[in-house]
Amino acid sequence: QVQLVESGGGLVQPGGSLKLSCAASGRGFSINAMGWYRQAPGKQRDFLARITNDGIMYAETVKGRFTISRDNAKNTVYLQMTTLKPEDTAVYYCNAGATRLGLSFVYWGQGTQVTVSS
């Protein structure tokens, strides 16, 4: 099993910045992709960004404002968020795609709350 532990959420004013972290752990697994999603109250969980060995993808809604990066040595993925807006308020979830013994798995973190408000 892969465990994902997110941190870095909190309250920030509109126009501010915040950096989320997600540390992955799990022996015997190869983590191929890591990403971020978010879910606002009453809405579906939306894709934000993904990083793999082949590259990076962003949702159009956050392109240019959010930056995903990964420290392979620490098995940690980050989401740097800038120019935050009230509509960015949501629970942010880390996601990882992993393989073990030829089988593929998807794991989710517990989520971290981000609130953008003055």
Protein backbone atom coordinates (compact mmCIF):
# COMPACT_ATOMS: atom_id res chain seq x y z
CA GLN A 1 0.00 0.00 0.00
CA VAL A 2 1.12 3.54 -0.78
CA GLN A 3 0.40 6.21 1.81
CA LEU A 4 0.08 9.84 0.80
CA VAL A 5 0.35 12.57 3.42
CA GLU A 6 -0.57 16.10 2.38
CA SER A 7 0.35 19.30 4.15
CA GLY A 8 0.45 23.03 3.57
CA GLY A 9 -3.22 23.93 3.40
CA GLY A 10 -4.72 26.83 5.27
CA LEU A 11 -6.33 30.24 5.04
CA VAL A 12 -4.93 32.76 2.58
CA GLN A 13 -6.13 36.11 1.31
CA PRO A 14 -7.15 36.61 -2.32
CA GLY A 15 -4.09 37.20 -4.46
CA GLY A 16 -1.90 35.28 -2.04
CA SER A 17 0.17 32.15 -2.48
CA LEU A 18 0.31 28.75 -0.86
CA LYS A 19 2.43 25.66 -1.38
CA LEU A 20 1.07 22.18 -0.81
CA SER A 21 3.21 19.11 -0.24
CA CYS A 22 2.41 15.43 -0.57
CA ALA A 23 4.83 12.79 0.66
CA ALA A 24 4.43 9.25 -0.62
CA SER A 25 5.61 6.10 1.09
CA GLY A 26 5.20 2.45 0.22
CA ARG A 27 7.77 -0.34 -0.02
CA GLY A 28 7.89 -2.36 -3.18
CA PHE A 29 5.90 0.11 -5.23
CA SER A 30 7.04 2.14 -8.20
CA ILE A 31 5.25 5.48 -8.27
CA ASN A 32 4.82 6.49 -11.88
CA ALA A 33 2.66 9.56 -11.64
CA MET A 34 1.61 12.02 -8.97
CA GLY A 35 -0.98 14.71 -9.18
CA TRP A 36 -3.37 17.07 -7.50
CA TYR A 37 -7.14 17.34 -7.52
CA ARG A 38 -9.59 19.49 -5.59
CA GLN A 39 -13.18 19.28 -4.48
CA ALA A 40 -15.31 22.22 -3.47
CA PRO A 41 -18.44 21.71 -1.34
CA GLY A 42 -21.25 20.24 -3.40
CA LYS A 43 -19.06 19.80 -6.48
CA GLN A 44 -17.19 16.96 -8.12
CA ARG A 45 -13.50 16.34 -7.65
CA ASP A 46 -11.59 18.15 -10.39
CA PHE A 47 -8.19 17.45 -11.89
CA LEU A 48 -5.58 20.17 -11.42
CA ALA A 49 -2.13 18.91 -12.39
CA ARG A 50 -0.12 15.74 -12.96
CA ILE A 51 3.58 15.02 -13.21
CA THR A 52 5.11 11.89 -14.70
CA ASN A 53 8.47 10.90 -16.14
CA ASP A 54 7.09 12.00 -19.51
CA GLY A 55 6.02 15.47 -18.53
CA ILE A 56 3.50 17.71 -16.82
CA MET A 57 -0.16 18.42 -17.46
CA TYR A 58 -2.37 21.19 -16.07
CA ALA A 59 -6.06 21.89 -16.08
CA GLU A 60 -6.87 25.04 -18.01
CA THR A 61 -8.39 26.60 -14.91
CA VAL A 62 -5.04 26.70 -13.09
CA LYS A 63 -2.53 26.90 -15.93
CA GLY A 64 -0.21 29.84 -15.33
CA ARG A 65 -1.12 30.15 -11.66
CA PHE A 66 -0.28 26.72 -10.24
CA THR A 67 3.01 24.86 -10.63
CA ILE A 68 3.52 21.19 -9.89
CA SER A 69 6.95 19.80 -9.09
CA ARG A 70 8.39 16.61 -7.68
CA ASP A 71 11.39 15.66 -5.57
CA ASN A 72 12.05 12.05 -6.57
CA ALA A 73 14.58 11.53 -3.80
CA LYS A 74 11.92 12.38 -1.22
CA ASN A 75 8.99 10.88 -3.14
CA THR A 76 7.25 14.18 -2.62
CA VAL A 77 5.12 16.23 -4.98
CA TYR A 78 4.41 19.92 -4.53
CA LEU A 79 1.79 22.31 -5.77
CA GLN A 80 2.78 25.95 -5.73
CA MET A 81 -0.35 28.07 -5.97
CA THR A 82 -0.22 31.78 -6.76
CA THR A 83 -2.74 34.55 -7.39
CA LEU A 84 -5.29 32.60 -5.40
CA LYS A 85 -8.97 33.40 -5.82
CA PRO A 86 -11.98 32.71 -3.58
CA GLU A 87 -13.12 30.11 -6.10
CA ASP A 88 -9.93 28.15 -5.40
CA THR A 89 -11.38 27.32 -1.99
CA ALA A 90 -11.66 23.54 -1.76
CA VAL A 91 -10.21 20.41 -0.25
CA TYR A 92 -7.07 19.56 -2.19
CA TYR A 93 -6.18 15.91 -2.72
CA CYS A 94 -2.94 14.29 -3.72
CA ASN A 95 -3.11 11.36 -6.12
CA ALA A 96 -0.54 8.74 -7.07
CA GLY A 97 -0.40 6.04 -9.71
CA ALA A 98 1.81 3.15 -8.70
CA THR A 99 2.75 -0.29 -9.93
CA ARG A 100 3.86 -3.43 -8.11
CA LEU A 101 4.46 -6.87 -9.57
CA GLY A 102 2.92 -5.77 -12.84
CA LEU A 103 -0.29 -4.49 -11.27
CA SER A 104 -1.43 -0.87 -11.28
CA PHE A 105 -2.92 0.97 -8.34
CA VAL A 106 -4.29 4.45 -7.65
CA TYR A 107 -4.00 6.03 -4.24
CA TRP A 108 -5.41 9.20 -2.67
CA GLY A 109 -4.35 11.34 0.22
CA GLN A 110 -6.68 12.43 2.99
CA GLY A 111 -7.00 15.95 1.64
CA THR A 112 -5.99 19.35 2.92
CA GLN A 113 -8.30 22.36 3.16
CA VAL A 114 -7.44 25.53 1.28
CA THR A 115 -9.58 28.57 2.02
CA VAL A 116 -9.15 31.80 0.07
CA SER A 117 -10.90 34.62 1.85
CA SER A 118 -10.33 38.11 3.11
